[in-house]
Amino acid sequence: KSHIDFYLAATNIENGKAEYFKIKNVFKEMEYFRATSAMPFVSQFVEIDGQKYLDGGIADSIPFEKAQELGCDKIIVVLTQPIDYRKTRSSSFLFKLFYRKYPHLVKTLENRYHTYNEQVEEIIRLEKQNKIFVIRPNVPLNIGRLERDETKIRTVYELGEKILEAQIQELHKYLTS
């Protein structure tokens, strides 16, 4: 029932670029949710209007720049890694083997670590300038992308609650400044 615009990002497999979709009706546009969470190697492509998509995080891991482009003046970034975490280069063998028909997607996957790391550096810079607010754990979460252990999931969820509780006053100050 919120009147705030809600966007999802998905990676177009033909050009390897992020595309952003304004969601107007969650129930009628469920395919966009499927697309933005379709993980490489694990999920099938999601087809929307003749285009095929995978997870938006492939091409735009932390879409704060899109929020800036949309004119958002208060941006809250929620990260799942500590401040010192940086991605490392992945072997491109599987990318090339699995997605050989989609060279732009392969290139995006190969460069993802670099793009992500640049985004993290920019987030740190903007956070120091009080231009964005960041919520992140101070320790690695030690949970898999496809985690099924309910105890681990609950532990990470509770850690997230504690992190937010510790920052809620700062967040309020950021939002009202």
C-alpha atoms as a PDB file:
ATOM      1  CA  LYS A   1       0.000   0.000   0.000  1.00  0.00           C
ATOM      2  CA  SER A   2       3.048   2.239   0.053  1.00  0.00           C
ATOM      3  CA  HIS A   3       3.100   5.017  -2.488  1.00  0.00           C
ATOM      4  CA  ILE A   4       6.895   4.893  -2.702  1.00  0.00           C
ATOM      5  CA  ASP A   5       8.329   3.721  -6.024  1.00  0.00           C
ATOM      6  CA  PHE A   6       9.836   0.229  -5.885  1.00  0.00           C
ATOM      7  CA  TYR A   7      12.431  -0.962  -8.388  1.00  0.00           C
ATOM      8  CA  LEU A   8      14.092  -4.296  -9.114  1.00  0.00           C
ATOM      9  CA  ALA A   9      17.264  -4.911 -11.084  1.00  0.00           C
ATOM     10  CA  ALA A  10      17.872  -7.834 -13.422  1.00  0.00           C
ATOM     11  CA  THR A  11      20.812  -8.603 -15.699  1.00  0.00           C
ATOM     12  CA  ASN A  12      19.993  -8.873 -19.393  1.00  0.00           C
ATOM     13  CA  ILE A  13      21.922 -11.922 -20.594  1.00  0.00           C
ATOM     14  CA  GLU A  14      22.282 -10.642 -24.167  1.00  0.00           C
ATOM     15  CA  ASN A  15      24.097  -7.404 -23.295  1.00  0.00           C
ATOM     16  CA  GLY A  16      25.309  -8.193 -19.753  1.00  0.00           C
ATOM     17  CA  LYS A  17      23.854  -4.941 -18.404  1.00  0.00           C
ATOM     18  CA  ALA A  18      21.532  -4.243 -15.518  1.00  0.00           C
ATOM     19  CA  GLU A  19      17.989  -3.209 -16.303  1.00  0.00           C
ATOM     20  CA  TYR A  20      15.735  -1.656 -13.689  1.00  0.00           C
ATOM     21  CA  PHE A  21      12.024  -2.280 -13.457  1.00  0.00           C
ATOM     22  CA  LYS A  22       9.537  -0.150 -11.586  1.00  0.00           C
ATOM     23  CA  ILE A  23       7.111  -2.508  -9.890  1.00  0.00           C
ATOM     24  CA  LYS A  24       3.529  -1.322  -9.860  1.00  0.00           C
ATOM     25  CA  ASN A  25       1.738  -4.525  -8.882  1.00  0.00           C
ATOM     26  CA  VAL A  26       3.717  -7.164  -7.013  1.00  0.00           C
ATOM     27  CA  PHE A  27       1.278  -9.955  -7.810  1.00  0.00           C
ATOM     28  CA  LYS A  28       1.020  -9.202 -11.525  1.00  0.00           C
ATOM     29  CA  GLU A  29       4.769  -8.636 -11.940  1.00  0.00           C
ATOM     30  CA  MET A  30       6.116 -11.671 -10.086  1.00  0.00           C
ATOM     31  CA  GLU A  31       8.324 -12.600 -13.065  1.00  0.00           C
ATOM     32  CA  TYR A  32      10.506  -9.570 -12.289  1.00  0.00           C
ATOM     33  CA  PHE A  33      11.069 -10.942  -8.782  1.00  0.00           C
ATOM     34  CA  ARG A  34      11.991 -14.302 -10.268  1.00  0.00           C
ATOM     35  CA  ALA A  35      14.420 -12.593 -12.650  1.00  0.00           C
ATOM     36  CA  THR A  36      16.162 -10.539  -9.993  1.00  0.00           C
ATOM     37  CA  SER A  37      16.797 -13.638  -7.913  1.00  0.00           C
ATOM     38  CA  ALA A  38      17.733 -16.063 -10.710  1.00  0.00           C
ATOM     39  CA  MET A  39      21.250 -17.109  -9.709  1.00  0.00           C
ATOM     40  CA  PRO A  40      23.873 -18.008 -12.323  1.00  0.00           C
ATOM     41  CA  PHE A  41      24.449 -21.763 -12.793  1.00  0.00           C
ATOM     42  CA  VAL A  42      21.569 -22.571 -10.421  1.00  0.00           C
ATOM     43  CA  SER A  43      18.569 -20.962 -12.096  1.00  0.00           C
ATOM     44  CA  GLN A  44      17.161 -20.931 -15.578  1.00  0.00           C
ATOM     45  CA  PHE A  45      16.911 -17.637 -17.421  1.00  0.00           C
ATOM     46  CA  VAL A  46      13.684 -15.770 -16.765  1.00  0.00           C
ATOM     47  CA  GLU A  47      12.051 -14.469 -19.918  1.00  0.00           C
ATOM     48  CA  ILE A  48      10.147 -11.180 -19.814  1.00  0.00           C
ATOM     49  CA  ASP A  49       8.853  -9.476 -22.957  1.00  0.00           C
ATOM     50  CA  GLY A  50      11.147 -11.593 -25.133  1.00  0.00           C
ATOM     51  CA  GLN A  51      14.281 -10.764 -23.131  1.00  0.00           C
ATOM     52  CA  LYS A  52      16.121 -13.222 -20.877  1.00  0.00           C
ATOM     53  CA  TYR A  53      17.372 -12.244 -17.436  1.00  0.00           C
ATOM     54  CA  LEU A  54      19.359 -13.416 -14.444  1.00  0.00           C
ATOM     55  CA  ASP A  55      20.046 -11.903 -11.020  1.00  0.00           C
ATOM     56  CA  GLY A  56      20.452  -8.133 -11.090  1.00  0.00           C
ATOM     57  CA  GLY A  57      23.428  -8.415  -8.758  1.00  0.00           C
ATOM     58  CA  ILE A  58      25.536  -9.795 -11.590  1.00  0.00           C
ATOM     59  CA  ALA A  59      25.656  -6.443 -13.375  1.00  0.00           C
ATOM     60  CA  ASP A  60      24.877  -4.149 -10.434  1.00  0.00           C
ATOM     61  CA  SER A  61      25.636  -5.757  -7.074  1.00  0.00           C
ATOM     62  CA  ILE A  62      24.754  -2.716  -4.981  1.00  0.00           C
ATOM     63  CA  PRO A  63      22.448  -0.430  -6.999  1.00  0.00           C
ATOM     64  CA  PHE A  64      22.992   2.743  -4.977  1.00  0.00           C
ATOM     65  CA  GLU A  65      24.024   4.644  -8.120  1.00  0.00           C
ATOM     66  CA  LYS A  66      20.627   3.912  -9.669  1.00  0.00           C
ATOM     67  CA  ALA A  67      19.000   5.305  -6.520  1.00  0.00           C
ATOM     68  CA  GLN A  68      21.085   8.466  -6.917  1.00  0.00           C
ATOM     69  CA  GLU A  69      20.123   8.664 -10.592  1.00  0.00           C
ATOM     70  CA  LEU A  70      16.453   8.411  -9.606  1.00  0.00           C
ATOM     71  CA  GLY A  71      16.935  11.452  -7.359  1.00  0.00           C
ATOM     72  CA  CYS A  72      16.806   9.726  -3.977  1.00  0.00           C
ATOM     73  CA  ASP A  73      18.238  12.058  -1.357  1.00  0.00           C
ATOM     74  CA  LYS A  74      18.313   9.491   1.478  1.00  0.00           C
ATOM     75  CA  ILE A  75      19.881   6.187   0.543  1.00  0.00           C
ATOM     76  CA  ILE A  76      20.200   3.258   2.913  1.00  0.00           C
ATOM     77  CA  VAL A  77      22.551   0.494   1.773  1.00  0.00           C
ATOM     78  CA  VAL A  78      22.260  -2.896   3.458  1.00  0.00           C
ATOM     79  CA  LEU A  79      25.359  -5.034   2.966  1.00  0.00           C
ATOM     80  CA  THR A  80      25.936  -8.647   3.909  1.00  0.00           C
ATOM     81  CA  GLN A  81      29.709  -8.356   4.271  1.00  0.00           C
ATOM     82  CA  PRO A  82      31.983  -6.490   6.715  1.00  0.00           C
ATOM     83  CA  ILE A  83      33.657  -3.236   5.650  1.00  0.00           C
ATOM     84  CA  ASP A  84      36.959  -4.914   4.764  1.00  0.00           C
ATOM     85  CA  TYR A  85      35.455  -7.602   2.505  1.00  0.00           C
ATOM     86  CA  ARG A  86      36.438  -7.516  -1.156  1.00  0.00           C
ATOM     87  CA  LYS A  87      35.547 -10.033  -3.851  1.00  0.00           C
ATOM     88  CA  THR A  88      38.338 -11.929  -5.551  1.00  0.00           C
ATOM     89  CA  ARG A  89      38.580 -12.816  -9.205  1.00  0.00           C
ATOM     90  CA  SER A  90      36.755 -16.006 -10.179  1.00  0.00           C
ATOM     91  CA  SER A  91      37.988 -18.435 -12.773  1.00  0.00           C
ATOM     92  CA  SER A  92      36.272 -17.630 -16.038  1.00  0.00           C
ATOM     93  CA  PHE A  93      36.368 -21.228 -17.273  1.00  0.00           C
ATOM     94  CA  LEU A  94      32.856 -22.067 -16.039  1.00  0.00           C
ATOM     95  CA  PHE A  95      31.462 -18.729 -17.209  1.00  0.00           C
ATOM     96  CA  LYS A  96      32.760 -19.362 -20.718  1.00  0.00           C
ATOM     97  CA  LEU A  97      31.664 -22.982 -20.738  1.00  0.00           C
ATOM     98  CA  PHE A  98      28.194 -22.474 -19.307  1.00  0.00           C
ATOM     99  CA  TYR A  99      27.319 -19.176 -21.032  1.00  0.00           C
ATOM    100  CA  ARG A 100      29.390 -19.396 -24.244  1.00  0.00           C
ATOM    101  CA  LYS A 101      26.414 -18.184 -26.312  1.00  0.00           C
ATOM    102  CA  TYR A 102      26.294 -14.962 -24.267  1.00  0.00           C
ATOM    103  CA  PRO A 103      29.730 -13.273 -24.474  1.00  0.00           C
ATOM    104  CA  HIS A 104      28.536 -10.003 -22.899  1.00  0.00           C
ATOM    105  CA  LEU A 105      27.193 -11.896 -19.897  1.00  0.00           C
ATOM    106  CA  VAL A 106      30.509 -13.770 -19.606  1.00  0.00           C
ATOM    107  CA  LYS A 107      32.415 -10.478 -19.612  1.00  0.00           C
ATOM    108  CA  THR A 108      30.119  -9.051 -16.927  1.00  0.00           C
ATOM    109  CA  LEU A 109      30.573 -12.173 -14.786  1.00  0.00           C
ATOM    110  CA  GLU A 110      34.355 -12.049 -15.233  1.00  0.00           C
ATOM    111  CA  ASN A 111      34.476  -8.396 -14.143  1.00  0.00           C
ATOM    112  CA  ARG A 112      31.934  -8.663 -11.340  1.00  0.00           C
ATOM    113  CA  TYR A 113      34.566  -8.807  -8.600  1.00  0.00           C
ATOM    114  CA  HIS A 114      36.150  -5.570  -9.851  1.00  0.00           C
ATOM    115  CA  THR A 115      32.837  -3.748 -10.247  1.00  0.00           C
ATOM    116  CA  TYR A 116      31.704  -4.862  -6.781  1.00  0.00           C
ATOM    117  CA  ASN A 117      34.961  -3.735  -5.167  1.00  0.00           C
ATOM    118  CA  GLU A 118      34.726  -0.319  -6.845  1.00  0.00           C
ATOM    119  CA  GLN A 119      31.157   0.023  -5.553  1.00  0.00           C
ATOM    120  CA  VAL A 120      32.272  -0.816  -2.007  1.00  0.00           C
ATOM    121  CA  GLU A 121      35.007   1.845  -2.155  1.00  0.00           C
ATOM    122  CA  GLU A 122      32.502   4.440  -3.381  1.00  0.00           C
ATOM    123  CA  ILE A 123      30.043   3.455  -0.650  1.00  0.00           C
ATOM    124  CA  ILE A 124      32.723   3.941   1.997  1.00  0.00           C
ATOM    125  CA  ARG A 125      33.535   7.372   0.543  1.00  0.00           C
ATOM    126  CA  LEU A 126      29.866   8.436   0.453  1.00  0.00           C
ATOM    127  CA  GLU A 127      29.274   7.086   3.947  1.00  0.00           C
ATOM    128  CA  LYS A 128      32.124   9.227   5.305  1.00  0.00           C
ATOM    129  CA  GLN A 129      30.459  12.248   3.667  1.00  0.00           C
ATOM    130  CA  ASN A 130      27.121  11.302   5.265  1.00  0.00           C
ATOM    131  CA  LYS A 131      25.550  11.013   1.802  1.00  0.00           C
ATOM    132  CA  ILE A 132      24.377   7.450   2.362  1.00  0.00           C
ATOM    133  CA  PHE A 133      23.695   5.307   5.410  1.00  0.00           C
ATOM    134  CA  VAL A 134      25.177   1.825   5.531  1.00  0.00           C
ATOM    135  CA  ILE A 135      24.043  -1.148   7.584  1.00  0.00           C
ATOM    136  CA  ARG A 136      26.575  -3.991   7.525  1.00  0.00           C
ATOM    137  CA  PRO A 137      27.788  -6.779   9.783  1.00  0.00           C
ATOM    138  CA  ASN A 138      31.140  -6.365  11.501  1.00  0.00           C
ATOM    139  CA  VAL A 139      31.935 -10.076  11.117  1.00  0.00           C
ATOM    140  CA  PRO A 140      31.526 -12.504   8.203  1.00  0.00           C
ATOM    141  CA  LEU A 141      28.092 -14.125   8.237  1.00  0.00           C
ATOM    142  CA  ASN A 142      29.357 -17.642   7.430  1.00  0.00           C
ATOM    143  CA  ILE A 143      26.212 -18.624   5.585  1.00  0.00           C
ATOM    144  CA  GLY A 144      25.838 -20.059   2.108  1.00  0.00           C
ATOM    145  CA  ARG A 145      23.832 -18.543  -0.744  1.00  0.00           C
ATOM    146  CA  LEU A 146      21.636 -21.624  -0.810  1.00  0.00           C
ATOM    147  CA  GLU A 147      21.665 -22.197   2.947  1.00  0.00           C
ATOM    148  CA  ARG A 148      19.073 -24.655   4.254  1.00  0.00           C
ATOM    149  CA  ASP A 149      20.192 -24.899   7.879  1.00  0.00           C
ATOM    150  CA  GLU A 150      17.385 -23.119   9.729  1.00  0.00           C
ATOM    151  CA  THR A 151      19.591 -22.514  12.771  1.00  0.00           C
ATOM    152  CA  LYS A 152      22.177 -20.659  10.672  1.00  0.00           C
ATOM    153  CA  ILE A 153      19.461 -18.670   8.925  1.00  0.00           C
ATOM    154  CA  ARG A 154      17.861 -17.717  12.250  1.00  0.00           C
ATOM    155  CA  THR A 155      21.266 -16.756  13.710  1.00  0.00           C
ATOM    156  CA  VAL A 156      22.026 -14.439  10.782  1.00  0.00           C
ATOM    157  CA  TYR A 157      18.529 -12.939  10.976  1.00  0.00           C
ATOM    158  CA  GLU A 158      18.958 -12.222  14.682  1.00  0.00           C
ATOM    159  CA  LEU A 159      22.398 -10.719  14.051  1.00  0.00           C
ATOM    160  CA  GLY A 160      20.772  -8.389  11.517  1.00  0.00           C
ATOM    161  CA  GLU A 161      18.237  -7.297  14.123  1.00  0.00           C
ATOM    162  CA  LYS A 162      21.028  -6.561  16.626  1.00  0.00           C
ATOM    163  CA  ILE A 163      23.009  -4.580  14.064  1.00  0.00           C
ATOM    164  CA  LEU A 164      19.974  -2.446  13.250  1.00  0.00           C
ATOM    165  CA  GLU A 165      19.135  -1.954  16.929  1.00  0.00           C
ATOM    166  CA  ALA A 166      22.668  -0.664  17.507  1.00  0.00           C
ATOM    167  CA  GLN A 167      22.342   1.789  14.596  1.00  0.00           C
ATOM    168  CA  ILE A 168      18.712   2.843  14.866  1.00  0.00           C
ATOM    169  CA  GLN A 169      19.450   6.196  16.522  1.00  0.00           C
ATOM    170  CA  GLU A 170      22.092   7.039  13.888  1.00  0.00           C
ATOM    171  CA  LEU A 171      19.690   5.986  11.150  1.00  0.00           C
ATOM    172  CA  HIS A 172      16.954   8.207  12.551  1.00  0.00           C
ATOM    173  CA  LYS A 173      19.379  11.124  12.713  1.00  0.00           C
ATOM    174  CA  TYR A 174      20.445  10.507   9.088  1.00  0.00           C
ATOM    175  CA  LEU A 175      16.858  10.356   7.871  1.00  0.00           C
ATOM    176  CA  THR A 176      15.818  13.548   9.664  1.00  0.00           C
ATOM    177  CA  SER A 177      18.892  15.637   8.831  1.00  0.00           C
END
